[in-house]
């Protein structure tokens, strides 16, 4: 499983994911780059500050599949 696919699963969890969790689960030393890669691939990623803490949780939605492929 690639880092991007692992991150995709984490982003779709109900509780979202923190940057620390991305580093641990995906084994990435640059989690912001992995988020950027998914954004470039069409993902919608939002972040929300964790109340009383000094970090954010990220949530994501995968891109919608093209329903009419080949029709342009």
N, C-alpha and C. Protein backbone atom coordinates (compact mmCIF):
# COMPACT_ATOMS: atom_id res chain seq x y z
N UNK A 1 0.86 -1.18 0.00
CA UNK A 1 0.00 0.00 0.00
C UNK A 1 0.90 1.24 0.00
N UNK A 2 0.60 2.19 -0.86
CA UNK A 2 1.43 3.40 -0.95
C UNK A 2 1.09 4.38 0.17
N UNK A 3 1.96 5.35 0.35
CA UNK A 3 1.71 6.37 1.37
C UNK A 3 0.43 7.13 1.05
N UNK A 4 0.20 7.42 -0.21
CA UNK A 4 -1.00 8.17 -0.61
C UNK A 4 -2.26 7.38 -0.31
N UNK A 5 -2.27 6.08 -0.57
CA UNK A 5 -3.46 5.29 -0.30
C UNK A 5 -3.70 5.13 1.20
N UNK A 6 -2.64 5.00 1.98
CA UNK A 6 -2.78 4.95 3.44
C UNK A 6 -3.35 6.26 3.96
N UNK A 7 -2.82 7.37 3.44
CA UNK A 7 -3.30 8.69 3.87
C UNK A 7 -4.76 8.89 3.47
N UNK A 8 -5.13 8.41 2.30
CA UNK A 8 -6.52 8.51 1.85
C UNK A 8 -7.47 7.82 2.81
N UNK A 9 -7.09 6.64 3.28
CA UNK A 9 -7.93 5.93 4.25
C UNK A 9 -8.03 6.69 5.57
N UNK A 10 -6.90 7.26 6.01
CA UNK A 10 -6.90 8.01 7.27
C UNK A 10 -7.78 9.25 7.16
N UNK A 11 -7.73 9.93 6.05
CA UNK A 11 -8.51 11.16 5.87
C UNK A 11 -10.01 10.89 5.86
N UNK A 12 -10.41 9.71 5.46
CA UNK A 12 -11.83 9.39 5.38
C UNK A 12 -12.40 8.87 6.69
N UNK A 13 -11.55 8.69 7.70
CA UNK A 13 -12.05 8.26 9.01
C UNK A 13 -12.93 9.34 9.61
N UNK A 14 -13.84 8.94 10.45
CA UNK A 14 -14.74 9.90 11.09
C UNK A 14 -13.98 10.92 11.94
N UNK A 15 -12.92 10.47 12.63
CA UNK A 15 -12.17 11.36 13.50
C UNK A 15 -11.07 12.11 12.76
N UNK A 16 -10.90 11.84 11.47
CA UNK A 16 -9.87 12.54 10.71
C UNK A 16 -8.48 12.04 11.09
N UNK A 17 -7.48 12.89 10.81
CA UNK A 17 -6.10 12.50 11.06
C UNK A 17 -5.27 13.75 11.41
N UNK A 18 -4.30 13.58 12.29
CA UNK A 18 -3.36 14.65 12.61
C UNK A 18 -2.07 14.41 11.84
N UNK A 19 -1.23 15.42 11.77
CA UNK A 19 0.05 15.28 11.07
C UNK A 19 0.92 14.21 11.75
N UNK A 20 0.86 14.14 13.06
CA UNK A 20 1.64 13.14 13.79
C UNK A 20 1.20 11.73 13.38
N UNK A 21 -0.11 11.52 13.29
CA UNK A 21 -0.62 10.21 12.88
C UNK A 21 -0.18 9.86 11.46
N UNK A 22 -0.14 10.86 10.59
CA UNK A 22 0.32 10.63 9.23
C UNK A 22 1.77 10.15 9.24
N UNK A 23 2.60 10.81 10.04
CA UNK A 23 4.02 10.42 10.13
C UNK A 23 4.17 8.98 10.61
N UNK A 24 3.40 8.61 11.62
CA UNK A 24 3.51 7.27 12.21
C UNK A 24 2.96 6.20 11.28
N UNK A 25 1.74 6.37 10.81
CA UNK A 25 1.08 5.32 10.01
C UNK A 25 1.66 5.21 8.61
N UNK A 26 1.90 6.33 7.97
CA UNK A 26 2.38 6.30 6.58
C UNK A 26 3.89 6.18 6.47
N UNK A 27 4.59 6.48 7.53
CA UNK A 27 6.04 6.43 7.48
C UNK A 27 6.63 7.57 6.69
N UNK A 28 5.91 8.67 6.62
CA UNK A 28 6.36 9.82 5.84
C UNK A 28 7.03 10.85 6.74
N UNK A 29 8.12 11.44 6.25
CA UNK A 29 8.77 12.51 7.00
C UNK A 29 8.30 13.87 6.51
N UNK A 30 7.46 13.89 5.47
CA UNK A 30 6.91 15.15 4.96
C UNK A 30 5.40 14.98 4.71
N UNK A 31 4.61 14.92 5.79
CA UNK A 31 3.17 14.68 5.63
C UNK A 31 2.45 15.79 4.87
N UNK A 32 2.95 17.02 4.95
CA UNK A 32 2.30 18.10 4.21
C UNK A 32 2.44 17.88 2.71
N UNK A 33 3.53 17.27 2.27
CA UNK A 33 3.72 16.96 0.85
C UNK A 33 2.74 15.88 0.40
N UNK A 34 2.49 14.90 1.26
CA UNK A 34 1.52 13.85 0.91
C UNK A 34 0.12 14.44 0.78
N UNK A 35 -0.24 15.38 1.67
CA UNK A 35 -1.53 16.05 1.56
C UNK A 35 -1.61 16.83 0.26
N UNK A 36 -0.54 17.49 -0.08
CA UNK A 36 -0.48 18.26 -1.31
C UNK A 36 -0.64 17.35 -2.54
N UNK A 37 -0.03 16.18 -2.49
CA UNK A 37 -0.15 15.22 -3.59
C UNK A 37 -1.61 14.81 -3.78
N UNK A 38 -2.31 14.57 -2.68
CA UNK A 38 -3.72 14.19 -2.78
C UNK A 38 -4.57 15.35 -3.29
N UNK A 39 -4.27 16.56 -2.86
CA UNK A 39 -4.99 17.73 -3.38
C UNK A 39 -4.81 17.84 -4.89
N UNK A 40 -3.58 17.62 -5.35
CA UNK A 40 -3.30 17.67 -6.79
C UNK A 40 -4.06 16.58 -7.55
N UNK A 41 -4.35 15.48 -6.87
CA UNK A 41 -5.09 14.38 -7.48
C UNK A 41 -6.60 14.60 -7.43
N UNK A 42 -7.04 15.73 -6.87
CA UNK A 42 -8.46 16.06 -6.87
C UNK A 42 -9.17 15.88 -5.55
N UNK A 43 -8.46 15.51 -4.49
CA UNK A 43 -9.09 15.34 -3.18
C UNK A 43 -9.48 16.70 -2.62
N UNK A 44 -10.57 16.74 -1.85
CA UNK A 44 -10.97 17.91 -1.09
C UNK A 44 -10.54 17.67 0.35
N UNK A 45 -9.60 18.48 0.82
CA UNK A 45 -9.06 18.29 2.18
C UNK A 45 -9.32 19.54 3.00
N UNK A 46 -9.91 19.34 4.18
CA UNK A 46 -10.18 20.45 5.08
C UNK A 46 -9.45 20.20 6.39
N UNK A 47 -9.17 21.30 7.11
CA UNK A 47 -8.53 21.15 8.41
C UNK A 47 -9.32 21.93 9.45
N UNK A 48 -9.36 21.38 10.63
CA UNK A 48 -10.07 22.01 11.75
C UNK A 48 -9.16 21.98 12.96
N UNK A 49 -9.05 23.12 13.62
CA UNK A 49 -8.21 23.22 14.81
C UNK A 49 -8.84 22.41 15.94
N UNK A 50 -8.01 21.68 16.65
CA UNK A 50 -8.46 20.91 17.80
C UNK A 50 -8.56 21.88 18.97
N UNK A 51 -9.74 21.96 19.54
CA UNK A 51 -9.98 22.92 20.63
C UNK A 51 -9.08 22.65 21.83
N UNK A 52 -8.41 23.69 22.30
CA UNK A 52 -7.54 23.57 23.46
C UNK A 52 -6.17 22.98 23.16
N UNK A 53 -5.90 22.69 21.91
CA UNK A 53 -4.61 22.10 21.52
C UNK A 53 -3.95 23.00 20.49
N UNK A 54 -2.72 22.66 20.16
CA UNK A 54 -1.96 23.47 19.21
C UNK A 54 -1.74 22.70 17.90
N UNK A 55 -2.75 21.95 17.46
CA UNK A 55 -2.65 21.23 16.20
C UNK A 55 -4.02 21.12 15.55
N UNK A 56 -4.05 20.59 14.33
CA UNK A 56 -5.27 20.47 13.55
C UNK A 56 -5.55 19.01 13.21
N UNK A 57 -6.81 18.76 12.88
CA UNK A 57 -7.22 17.47 12.32
C UNK A 57 -7.62 17.72 10.87
N UNK A 58 -7.24 16.79 10.01
CA UNK A 58 -7.53 16.90 8.59
C UNK A 58 -8.57 15.87 8.19
N UNK A 59 -9.46 16.29 7.30
CA UNK A 59 -10.53 15.43 6.80
C UNK A 59 -10.51 15.52 5.28
N UNK A 60 -10.83 14.42 4.62
CA UNK A 60 -10.76 14.45 3.17
C UNK A 60 -11.87 13.68 2.48
N UNK A 61 -12.16 14.12 1.25
CA UNK A 61 -13.11 13.45 0.38
C UNK A 61 -12.40 13.15 -0.93
N UNK A 62 -12.51 11.92 -1.39
CA UNK A 62 -11.85 11.60 -2.67
C UNK A 62 -12.55 12.31 -3.82
N UNK A 63 -11.86 12.42 -4.95
CA UNK A 63 -12.49 13.08 -6.10
C UNK A 63 -13.65 12.25 -6.63
N UNK A 64 -14.62 12.94 -7.19
CA UNK A 64 -15.75 12.23 -7.80
C UNK A 64 -15.27 11.60 -9.10
N UNK A 65 -15.69 10.39 -9.33
CA UNK A 65 -15.30 9.70 -10.55
C UNK A 65 -16.05 10.31 -11.72
N UNK A 66 -15.38 10.42 -12.84
CA UNK A 66 -16.02 10.96 -14.03
C UNK A 66 -17.04 9.95 -14.52
N UNK A 67 -18.28 10.41 -14.62
CA UNK A 67 -19.33 9.50 -15.00
C UNK A 67 -19.38 9.27 -16.51
N UNK A 68 -18.92 10.24 -17.26
CA UNK A 68 -18.98 10.10 -18.70
C UNK A 68 -17.57 10.15 -19.29
N UNK A 69 -16.79 9.15 -19.00
CA UNK A 69 -15.43 9.10 -19.51
C UNK A 69 -15.44 8.98 -21.02
N UNK A 70 -14.54 9.70 -21.65
CA UNK A 70 -14.42 9.63 -23.10
C UNK A 70 -15.36 10.56 -23.85
N UNK A 71 -16.31 11.16 -23.17
CA UNK A 71 -17.22 12.09 -23.82
C UNK A 71 -16.76 13.51 -23.57
N UNK A 72 -16.25 14.14 -24.58
CA UNK A 72 -15.77 15.51 -24.43
C UNK A 72 -16.37 16.37 -25.51
